[in-house]
Every structure is written in structure tokens, then in C-alpha cells.
Amino acid sequence: MKRKTLIGAVCAGAVAIAAIAAGFAHASSFYYEVVFYSDASYTYRVGEYRQYCQNDLYIVTPQVTGETSPYSIETPIGVCPGLGDW
């Protein structure tokens, strides 16, 4: 009985670790549109960039159009590799 319990616990642990690793791998493959705003009111756009997936392999971050600021909104727009933009 102890052996079955131990085997079950080991299997459950392995599944949990695999699920966590898959979650981290998936999360890192999102790419974003980032919009920068002039202040905390998020009213005036001062800059932006839009990442993209190149050759279904790499996430490319182009130069910012306009200016950067500490006030920004990141919106996920796709997954790489994957189906491309949503």
C-alpha cells in the first residue's frame, strides 16, 4: 500500500512540474503592442511599438515610434510560434 501511495505521489509531482514548466514556456511566447502615454492619466499617446513573430521562430521588438515613458499599456496580440496575430 505504501508503494502505491509513493508512486502516486511521484506521478502527481511530475505532472505538476510539467504543467508549471509548460505554463512558463507558453507565457514567454506572447508578443505585444506597447503604447506609451505622457502621464498617469493615460490620455495622450507619446510612443508605441508592435512586436511581431519572424519566421514563426523569434519575437522581434522594433524601435519605438515616438517616445518612451514609464506610463505604458502592454496588450498581447499573438503567440510565437503559433497562429500569429489574434
PDB file of N, CA and C in Angstrom:
ATOM      1  N   MET A   1       0.816  -1.194   0.000  1.00  0.00           N
ATOM      2  CA  MET A   1       0.000   0.000   0.000  1.00  0.00           C
ATOM      3  C   MET A   1       0.859   1.258   0.000  1.00  0.00           C
ATOM      4  N   LYS A   2       1.939   1.242   0.787  1.00  0.00           N
ATOM      5  CA  LYS A   2       2.818   2.411   0.838  1.00  0.00           C
ATOM      6  C   LYS A   2       3.465   2.655  -0.520  1.00  0.00           C
ATOM      7  N   ARG A   3       3.803   1.563  -1.216  1.00  0.00           N
ATOM      8  CA  ARG A   3       4.459   1.704  -2.514  1.00  0.00           C
ATOM      9  C   ARG A   3       3.525   2.378  -3.517  1.00  0.00           C
ATOM     10  N   LYS A   4       2.256   1.997  -3.560  1.00  0.00           N
ATOM     11  CA  LYS A   4       1.288   2.613  -4.470  1.00  0.00           C
ATOM     12  C   LYS A   4       1.105   4.091  -4.142  1.00  0.00           C
ATOM     13  N   THR A   5       1.069   4.410  -2.865  1.00  0.00           N
ATOM     14  CA  THR A   5       0.927   5.802  -2.451  1.00  0.00           C
ATOM     15  C   THR A   5       2.139   6.617  -2.883  1.00  0.00           C
ATOM     16  N   LEU A   6       3.332   6.049  -2.703  1.00  0.00           N
ATOM     17  CA  LEU A   6       4.554   6.734  -3.095  1.00  0.00           C
ATOM     18  C   LEU A   6       4.611   6.940  -4.602  1.00  0.00           C
ATOM     19  N   ILE A   7       4.267   5.917  -5.362  1.00  0.00           N
ATOM     20  CA  ILE A   7       4.268   6.028  -6.829  1.00  0.00           C
ATOM     21  C   ILE A   7       3.251   7.073  -7.275  1.00  0.00           C
ATOM     22  N   GLY A   8       2.080   7.085  -6.658  1.00  0.00           N
ATOM     23  CA  GLY A   8       1.055   8.078  -6.992  1.00  0.00           C
ATOM     24  C   GLY A   8       1.527   9.490  -6.700  1.00  0.00           C
ATOM     25  N   ALA A   9       2.193   9.674  -5.562  1.00  0.00           N
ATOM     26  CA  ALA A   9       2.693  10.998  -5.198  1.00  0.00           C
ATOM     27  C   ALA A   9       3.774  11.464  -6.162  1.00  0.00           C
ATOM     28  N   VAL A  10       4.656  10.559  -6.552  1.00  0.00           N
ATOM     29  CA  VAL A  10       5.720  10.905  -7.505  1.00  0.00           C
ATOM     30  C   VAL A  10       5.116  11.281  -8.854  1.00  0.00           C
ATOM     31  N   CYS A  11       4.137  10.522  -9.314  1.00  0.00           N
ATOM     32  CA  CYS A  11       3.488  10.834 -10.597  1.00  0.00           C
ATOM     33  C   CYS A  11       2.770  12.178 -10.540  1.00  0.00           C
ATOM     34  N   ALA A  12       2.075  12.424  -9.445  1.00  0.00           N
ATOM     35  CA  ALA A  12       1.371  13.704  -9.303  1.00  0.00           C
ATOM     36  C   ALA A  12       2.361  14.867  -9.296  1.00  0.00           C
ATOM     37  N   GLY A  13       3.487  14.688  -8.628  1.00  0.00           N
ATOM     38  CA  GLY A  13       4.514  15.725  -8.603  1.00  0.00           C
ATOM     39  C   GLY A  13       5.097  15.980  -9.978  1.00  0.00           C
ATOM     40  N   ALA A  14       5.339  14.912 -10.716  1.00  0.00           N
ATOM     41  CA  ALA A  14       5.894  15.057 -12.061  1.00  0.00           C
ATOM     42  C   ALA A  14       4.919  15.782 -12.981  1.00  0.00           C
ATOM     43  N   VAL A  15       3.643  15.467 -12.875  1.00  0.00           N
ATOM     44  CA  VAL A  15       2.629  16.128 -13.699  1.00  0.00           C
ATOM     45  C   VAL A  15       2.552  17.606 -13.341  1.00  0.00           C
ATOM     46  N   ALA A  16       2.609  17.924 -12.043  1.00  0.00           N
ATOM     47  CA  ALA A  16       2.554  19.325 -11.611  1.00  0.00           C
ATOM     48  C   ALA A  16       3.746  20.109 -12.130  1.00  0.00           C
ATOM     49  N   ILE A  17       4.928  19.533 -12.053  1.00  0.00           N
ATOM     50  CA  ILE A  17       6.139  20.215 -12.545  1.00  0.00           C
ATOM     51  C   ILE A  17       6.051  20.428 -14.053  1.00  0.00           C
ATOM     52  N   ALA A  18       5.576  19.422 -14.786  1.00  0.00           N
ATOM     53  CA  ALA A  18       5.441  19.564 -16.239  1.00  0.00           C
ATOM     54  C   ALA A  18       4.425  20.647 -16.594  1.00  0.00           C
ATOM     55  N   ALA A  19       3.335  20.721 -15.839  1.00  0.00           N
ATOM     56  CA  ALA A  19       2.318  21.739 -16.110  1.00  0.00           C
ATOM     57  C   ALA A  19       2.863  23.134 -15.838  1.00  0.00           C
ATOM     58  N   ILE A  20       3.616  23.288 -14.771  1.00  0.00           N
ATOM     59  CA  ILE A  20       4.203  24.587 -14.454  1.00  0.00           C
ATOM     60  C   ILE A  20       5.207  24.993 -15.533  1.00  0.00           C
ATOM     61  N   ALA A  21       6.049  24.057 -15.944  1.00  0.00           N
ATOM     62  CA  ALA A  21       7.036  24.354 -16.985  1.00  0.00           C
ATOM     63  C   ALA A  21       6.352  24.726 -18.293  1.00  0.00           C
ATOM     64  N   ALA A  22       5.294  24.022 -18.641  1.00  0.00           N
ATOM     65  CA  ALA A  22       4.564  24.340 -19.875  1.00  0.00           C
ATOM     66  C   ALA A  22       3.927  25.716 -19.785  1.00  0.00           C
ATOM     67  N   GLY A  23       3.434  26.069 -18.614  1.00  0.00           N
ATOM     68  CA  GLY A  23       2.846  27.393 -18.424  1.00  0.00           C
ATOM     69  C   GLY A  23       3.872  28.492 -18.614  1.00  0.00           C
ATOM     70  N   PHE A  24       5.074  28.304 -18.065  1.00  0.00           N
ATOM     71  CA  PHE A  24       6.121  29.306 -18.237  1.00  0.00           C
ATOM     72  C   PHE A  24       6.551  29.391 -19.693  1.00  0.00           C
ATOM     73  N   ALA A  25       6.672  28.268 -20.355  1.00  0.00           N
ATOM     74  CA  ALA A  25       7.094  28.280 -21.760  1.00  0.00           C
ATOM     75  C   ALA A  25       6.054  28.989 -22.612  1.00  0.00           C
ATOM     76  N   HIS A  26       4.786  28.740 -22.343  1.00  0.00           N
ATOM     77  CA  HIS A  26       3.727  29.361 -23.130  1.00  0.00           C
ATOM     78  C   HIS A  26       3.672  30.865 -22.866  1.00  0.00           C
ATOM     79  N   ALA A  27       3.789  31.267 -21.618  1.00  0.00           N
ATOM     80  CA  ALA A  27       3.704  32.675 -21.269  1.00  0.00           C
ATOM     81  C   ALA A  27       4.812  33.489 -21.923  1.00  0.00           C
ATOM     82  N   SER A  28       5.971  32.897 -22.077  1.00  0.00           N
ATOM     83  CA  SER A  28       7.090  33.649 -22.643  1.00  0.00           C
ATOM     84  C   SER A  28       6.968  33.826 -24.153  1.00  0.00           C
ATOM     85  N   SER A  29       5.995  33.168 -24.791  1.00  0.00           N
ATOM     86  CA  SER A  29       5.900  33.259 -26.239  1.00  0.00           C
ATOM     87  C   SER A  29       4.861  34.280 -26.711  1.00  0.00           C
ATOM     88  N   PHE A  30       4.219  34.989 -25.794  1.00  0.00           N
ATOM     89  CA  PHE A  30       3.321  36.058 -26.200  1.00  0.00           C
ATOM     90  C   PHE A  30       4.122  37.231 -26.753  1.00  0.00           C
ATOM     91  N   TYR A  31       3.560  37.915 -27.720  1.00  0.00           N
ATOM     92  CA  TYR A  31       4.166  39.177 -28.131  1.00  0.00           C
ATOM     93  C   TYR A  31       3.115  40.271 -28.047  1.00  0.00           C
ATOM     94  N   TYR A  32       3.579  41.525 -27.966  1.00  0.00           N
ATOM     95  CA  TYR A  32       2.736  42.609 -27.501  1.00  0.00           C
ATOM     96  C   TYR A  32       2.752  43.840 -28.392  1.00  0.00           C
ATOM     97  N   GLU A  33       1.705  44.627 -28.257  1.00  0.00           N
ATOM     98  CA  GLU A  33       1.687  46.003 -28.722  1.00  0.00           C
ATOM     99  C   GLU A  33       1.823  46.849 -27.454  1.00  0.00           C
ATOM    100  N   VAL A  34       2.778  47.764 -27.440  1.00  0.00           N
ATOM    101  CA  VAL A  34       3.018  48.597 -26.264  1.00  0.00           C
ATOM    102  C   VAL A  34       2.801  50.051 -26.653  1.00  0.00           C
ATOM    103  N   VAL A  35       1.941  50.722 -25.881  1.00  0.00           N
ATOM    104  CA  VAL A  35       1.642  52.139 -26.120  1.00  0.00           C
ATOM    105  C   VAL A  35       2.105  52.923 -24.901  1.00  0.00           C
ATOM    106  N   PHE A  36       2.877  53.985 -25.143  1.00  0.00           N
ATOM    107  CA  PHE A  36       3.388  54.840 -24.079  1.00  0.00           C
ATOM    108  C   PHE A  36       2.540  56.113 -24.001  1.00  0.00           C
ATOM    109  N   TYR A  37       2.278  56.548 -22.775  1.00  0.00           N
ATOM    110  CA  TYR A  37       1.459  57.735 -22.536  1.00  0.00           C
ATOM    111  C   TYR A  37       2.267  58.793 -21.805  1.00  0.00           C
ATOM    112  N   SER A  38       1.802  60.043 -21.914  1.00  0.00           N
ATOM    113  CA  SER A  38       2.555  61.169 -21.356  1.00  0.00           C
ATOM    114  C   SER A  38       2.536  61.191 -19.831  1.00  0.00           C
ATOM    115  N   ASP A  39       1.448  60.734 -19.235  1.00  0.00           N
ATOM    116  CA  ASP A  39       1.354  60.776 -17.769  1.00  0.00           C
ATOM    117  C   ASP A  39       0.381  59.705 -17.280  1.00  0.00           C
ATOM    118  N   ALA A  40       0.126  59.719 -15.978  1.00  0.00           N
ATOM    119  CA  ALA A  40      -0.692  58.678 -15.355  1.00  0.00           C
ATOM    120  C   ALA A  40      -2.170  58.742 -15.749  1.00  0.00           C
ATOM    121  N   SER A  41      -2.576  59.790 -16.445  1.00  0.00           N
ATOM    122  CA  SER A  41      -3.972  59.855 -16.896  1.00  0.00           C
ATOM    123  C   SER A  41      -4.214  58.954 -18.113  1.00  0.00           C
ATOM    124  N   TYR A  42      -3.145  58.508 -18.768  1.00  0.00           N
ATOM    125  CA  TYR A  42      -3.223  57.631 -19.943  1.00  0.00           C
ATOM    126  C   TYR A  42      -4.131  58.224 -21.023  1.00  0.00           C
ATOM    127  N   THR A  43      -3.980  59.524 -21.271  1.00  0.00           N
ATOM    128  CA  THR A  43      -4.813  60.219 -22.244  1.00  0.00           C
ATOM    129  C   THR A  43      -4.076  60.469 -23.557  1.00  0.00           C
ATOM    130  N   TYR A  44      -2.824  60.936 -23.473  1.00  0.00           N
ATOM    131  CA  TYR A  44      -2.075  61.321 -24.670  1.00  0.00           C
ATOM    132  C   TYR A  44      -0.993  60.305 -24.992  1.00  0.00           C
ATOM    133  N   ARG A  45      -1.119  59.731 -26.181  1.00  0.00           N
ATOM    134  CA  ARG A  45      -0.113  58.761 -26.632  1.00  0.00           C
ATOM    135  C   ARG A  45       1.139  59.511 -27.075  1.00  0.00           C
ATOM    136  N   VAL A  46       2.299  59.047 -26.581  1.00  0.00           N
ATOM    137  CA  VAL A  46       3.545  59.696 -26.991  1.00  0.00           C
ATOM    138  C   VAL A  46       4.465  58.742 -27.756  1.00  0.00           C
ATOM    139  N   GLY A  47       4.169  57.454 -27.751  1.00  0.00           N
ATOM    140  CA  GLY A  47       5.000  56.495 -28.468  1.00  0.00           C
ATOM    141  C   GLY A  47       4.368  55.119 -28.460  1.00  0.00           C
ATOM    142  N   GLU A  48       4.931  54.253 -29.302  1.00  0.00           N
ATOM    143  CA  GLU A  48       4.411  52.885 -29.373  1.00  0.00           C
ATOM    144  C   GLU A  48       5.383  51.994 -30.138  1.00  0.00           C
ATOM    145  N   TYR A  49       5.221  50.702 -29.933  1.00  0.00           N
ATOM    146  CA  TYR A  49       5.847  49.708 -30.793  1.00  0.00           C
ATOM    147  C   TYR A  49       4.975  48.461 -30.799  1.00  0.00           C
ATOM    148  N   ARG A  50       5.148  47.667 -31.845  1.00  0.00           N
ATOM    149  CA  ARG A  50       4.363  46.458 -32.015  1.00  0.00           C
ATOM    150  C   ARG A  50       5.317  45.321 -32.345  1.00  0.00           C
ATOM    151  N   GLN A  51       5.434  44.365 -31.436  1.00  0.00           N
ATOM    152  CA  GLN A  51       6.290  43.212 -31.685  1.00  0.00           C
ATOM    153  C   GLN A  51       5.658  42.320 -32.748  1.00  0.00           C
ATOM    154  N   TYR A  52       6.477  41.470 -33.352  1.00  0.00           N
ATOM    155  CA  TYR A  52       5.958  40.516 -34.324  1.00  0.00           C
ATOM    156  C   TYR A  52       6.781  39.238 -34.293  1.00  0.00           C
ATOM    157  N   CYS A  53       6.209  38.209 -34.857  1.00  0.00           N
ATOM    158  CA  CYS A  53       6.847  36.897 -34.897  1.00  0.00           C
ATOM    159  C   CYS A  53       7.508  36.727 -36.260  1.00  0.00           C
ATOM    160  N   GLN A  54       8.826  36.569 -36.270  1.00  0.00           N
ATOM    161  CA  GLN A  54       9.563  36.429 -37.520  1.00  0.00           C
ATOM    162  C   GLN A  54       9.826  34.962 -37.804  1.00  0.00           C
ATOM    163  N   ASN A  55       9.425  34.522 -38.985  1.00  0.00           N
ATOM    164  CA  ASN A  55       9.633  33.153 -39.456  1.00  0.00           C
ATOM    165  C   ASN A  55       9.076  32.103 -38.488  1.00  0.00           C
ATOM    166  N   ASP A  56       8.061  32.499 -37.732  1.00  0.00           N
ATOM    167  CA  ASP A  56       7.432  31.597 -36.767  1.00  0.00           C
ATOM    168  C   ASP A  56       8.446  31.040 -35.761  1.00  0.00           C
ATOM    169  N   LEU A  57       9.525  31.825 -35.497  1.00  0.00           N
ATOM    170  CA  LEU A  57      10.576  31.375 -34.587  1.00  0.00           C
ATOM    171  C   LEU A  57      10.916  32.371 -33.496  1.00  0.00           C
ATOM    172  N   TYR A  58      11.028  33.651 -33.852  1.00  0.00           N
ATOM    173  CA  TYR A  58      11.561  34.653 -32.934  1.00  0.00           C
ATOM    174  C   TYR A  58      10.602  35.816 -32.766  1.00  0.00           C
ATOM    175  N   ILE A  59      10.545  36.342 -31.568  1.00  0.00           N
ATOM    176  CA  ILE A  59       9.784  37.568 -31.327  1.00  0.00           C
ATOM    177  C   ILE A  59      10.728  38.740 -31.549  1.00  0.00           C
ATOM    178  N   VAL A  60      10.341  39.639 -32.452  1.00  0.00           N
ATOM    179  CA  VAL A  60      11.152  40.797 -32.800  1.00  0.00           C
ATOM    180  C   VAL A  60      10.499  42.036 -32.198  1.00  0.00           C
ATOM    181  N   THR A  61      11.318  42.853 -31.533  1.00  0.00           N
ATOM    182  CA  THR A  61      10.846  44.112 -30.966  1.00  0.00           C
ATOM    183  C   THR A  61      11.464  45.257 -31.756  1.00  0.00           C
ATOM    184  N   PRO A  62      10.662  45.962 -32.555  1.00  0.00           N
ATOM    185  CA  PRO A  62      11.203  47.068 -33.342  1.00  0.00           C
ATOM    186  C   PRO A  62      11.463  48.292 -32.474  1.00  0.00           C
ATOM    187  N   GLN A  63      12.080  49.311 -33.078  1.00  0.00           N
ATOM    188  CA  GLN A  63      12.316  50.559 -32.364  1.00  0.00           C
ATOM    189  C   GLN A  63      10.987  51.234 -32.040  1.00  0.00           C
ATOM    190  N   VAL A  64      11.018  52.024 -30.993  1.00  0.00           N
ATOM    191  CA  VAL A  64       9.829  52.765 -30.584  1.00  0.00           C
ATOM    192  C   VAL A  64       9.582  53.904 -31.566  1.00  0.00           C
ATOM    193  N   THR A  65       8.336  54.049 -31.975  1.00  0.00           N
ATOM    194  CA  THR A  65       7.927  55.206 -32.752  1.00  0.00           C
ATOM    195  C   THR A  65       7.464  56.251 -31.752  1.00  0.00           C
ATOM    196  N   GLY A  66       8.135  57.389 -31.706  1.00  0.00           N
ATOM    197  CA  GLY A  66       7.816  58.417 -30.727  1.00  0.00           C
ATOM    198  C   GLY A  66       8.740  58.306 -29.528  1.00  0.00           C
ATOM    199  N   GLU A  67       8.178  58.473 -28.337  1.00  0.00           N
ATOM    200  CA  GLU A  67       8.967  58.479 -27.104  1.00  0.00           C
ATOM    201  C   GLU A  67       8.505  57.366 -26.167  1.00  0.00           C
ATOM    202  N   THR A  68       9.395  56.989 -25.264  1.00  0.00           N
ATOM    203  CA  THR A  68       9.012  56.059 -24.210  1.00  0.00           C
ATOM    204  C   THR A  68       8.680  56.857 -22.955  1.00  0.00           C
ATOM    205  N   SER A  69       7.982  56.225 -22.052  1.00  0.00           N
ATOM    206  CA  SER A  69       7.669  56.833 -20.763  1.00  0.00           C
ATOM    207  C   SER A  69       7.379  55.705 -19.776  1.00  0.00           C
ATOM    208  N   PRO A  70       7.356  56.024 -18.490  1.00  0.00           N
ATOM    209  CA  PRO A  70       7.037  54.987 -17.511  1.00  0.00           C
ATOM    210  C   PRO A  70       5.558  54.593 -17.513  1.00  0.00           C
ATOM    211  N   TYR A  71       4.738  55.318 -18.271  1.00  0.00           N
ATOM    212  CA  TYR A  71       3.304  55.037 -18.324  1.00  0.00           C
ATOM    213  C   TYR A  71       2.999  54.329 -19.632  1.00  0.00           C
ATOM    214  N   SER A  72       2.763  53.034 -19.545  1.00  0.00           N
ATOM    215  CA  SER A  72       2.531  52.265 -20.764  1.00  0.00           C
ATOM    216  C   SER A  72       1.482  51.192 -20.513  1.00  0.00           C
ATOM    217  N   ILE A  73       0.904  50.744 -21.618  1.00  0.00           N
ATOM    218  CA  ILE A  73      -0.039  49.627 -21.584  1.00  0.00           C
ATOM    219  C   ILE A  73       0.451  48.593 -22.578  1.00  0.00           C
ATOM    220  N   GLU A  74       0.659  47.367 -22.105  1.00  0.00           N
ATOM    221  CA  GLU A  74       1.061  46.245 -22.963  1.00  0.00           C
ATOM    222  C   GLU A  74      -0.171  45.393 -23.239  1.00  0.00           C
ATOM    223  N   THR A  75      -0.459  45.195 -24.513  1.00  0.00           N
ATOM    224  CA  THR A  75      -1.599  44.379 -24.914  1.00  0.00           C
ATOM    225  C   THR A  75      -1.084  43.179 -25.699  1.00  0.00           C
ATOM    226  N   PRO A  76      -1.339  41.949 -25.232  1.00  0.00           N
ATOM    227  CA  PRO A  76      -0.898  40.789 -26.004  1.00  0.00           C
ATOM    228  C   PRO A  76      -1.648  40.723 -27.336  1.00  0.00           C
ATOM    229  N   ILE A  77      -0.895  40.485 -28.414  1.00  0.00           N
ATOM    230  CA  ILE A  77      -1.515  40.472 -29.744  1.00  0.00           C
ATOM    231  C   ILE A  77      -1.281  39.171 -30.496  1.00  0.00           C
ATOM    232  N   GLY A  78      -0.489  38.260 -29.940  1.00  0.00           N
ATOM    233  CA  GLY A  78      -0.252  37.000 -30.624  1.00  0.00           C
ATOM    234  C   GLY A  78       0.667  36.096 -29.841  1.00  0.00           C
ATOM    235  N   VAL A  79       0.902  34.916 -30.397  1.00  0.00           N
ATOM    236  CA  VAL A  79       1.773  33.922 -29.792  1.00  0.00           C
ATOM    237  C   VAL A  79       2.771  33.458 -30.844  1.00  0.00           C
ATOM    238  N   CYS A  80       4.019  33.304 -30.432  1.00  0.00           N
ATOM    239  CA  CYS A  80       5.060  32.874 -31.358  1.00  0.00           C
ATOM    240  C   CYS A  80       5.831  31.699 -30.755  1.00  0.00           C
ATOM    241  N   PRO A  81       6.000  30.602 -31.388  1.00  0.00           N
ATOM    242  CA  PRO A  81       5.338  30.233 -32.639  1.00  0.00           C
ATOM    243  C   PRO A  81       3.859  29.958 -32.383  1.00  0.00           C
ATOM    244  N   GLY A  82       3.085  30.131 -33.411  1.00  0.00           N
ATOM    245  CA  GLY A  82       1.654  29.915 -33.233  1.00  0.00           C
ATOM    246  C   GLY A  82       0.877  30.395 -34.420  1.00  0.00           C
ATOM    247  N   LEU A  83      -0.314  30.884 -34.146  1.00  0.00           N
ATOM    248  CA  LEU A  83      -1.230  31.284 -35.201  1.00  0.00           C
ATOM    249  C   LEU A  83      -1.032  32.725 -35.658  1.00  0.00           C
ATOM    250  N   GLY A  84      -0.061  33.408 -35.098  1.00  0.00           N
ATOM    251  CA  GLY A  84       0.169  34.794 -35.488  1.00  0.00           C
ATOM    252  C   GLY A  84      -0.692  35.744 -34.693  1.00  0.00           C
ATOM    253  N   ASP A  85      -0.926  36.925 -35.268  1.00  0.00           N
ATOM    254  CA  ASP A  85      -1.727  37.942 -34.570  1.00  0.00           C
ATOM    255  C   ASP A  85      -3.149  37.430 -34.373  1.00  0.00           C
ATOM    256  N   TRP A  86      -3.744  37.884 -33.273  1.00  0.00           N
ATOM    257  CA  TRP A  86      -5.136  37.478 -32.982  1.00  0.00           C
ATOM    258  C   TRP A  86      -6.104  38.389 -33.660  1.00  0.00           C
TER     259      TRP A  86
END
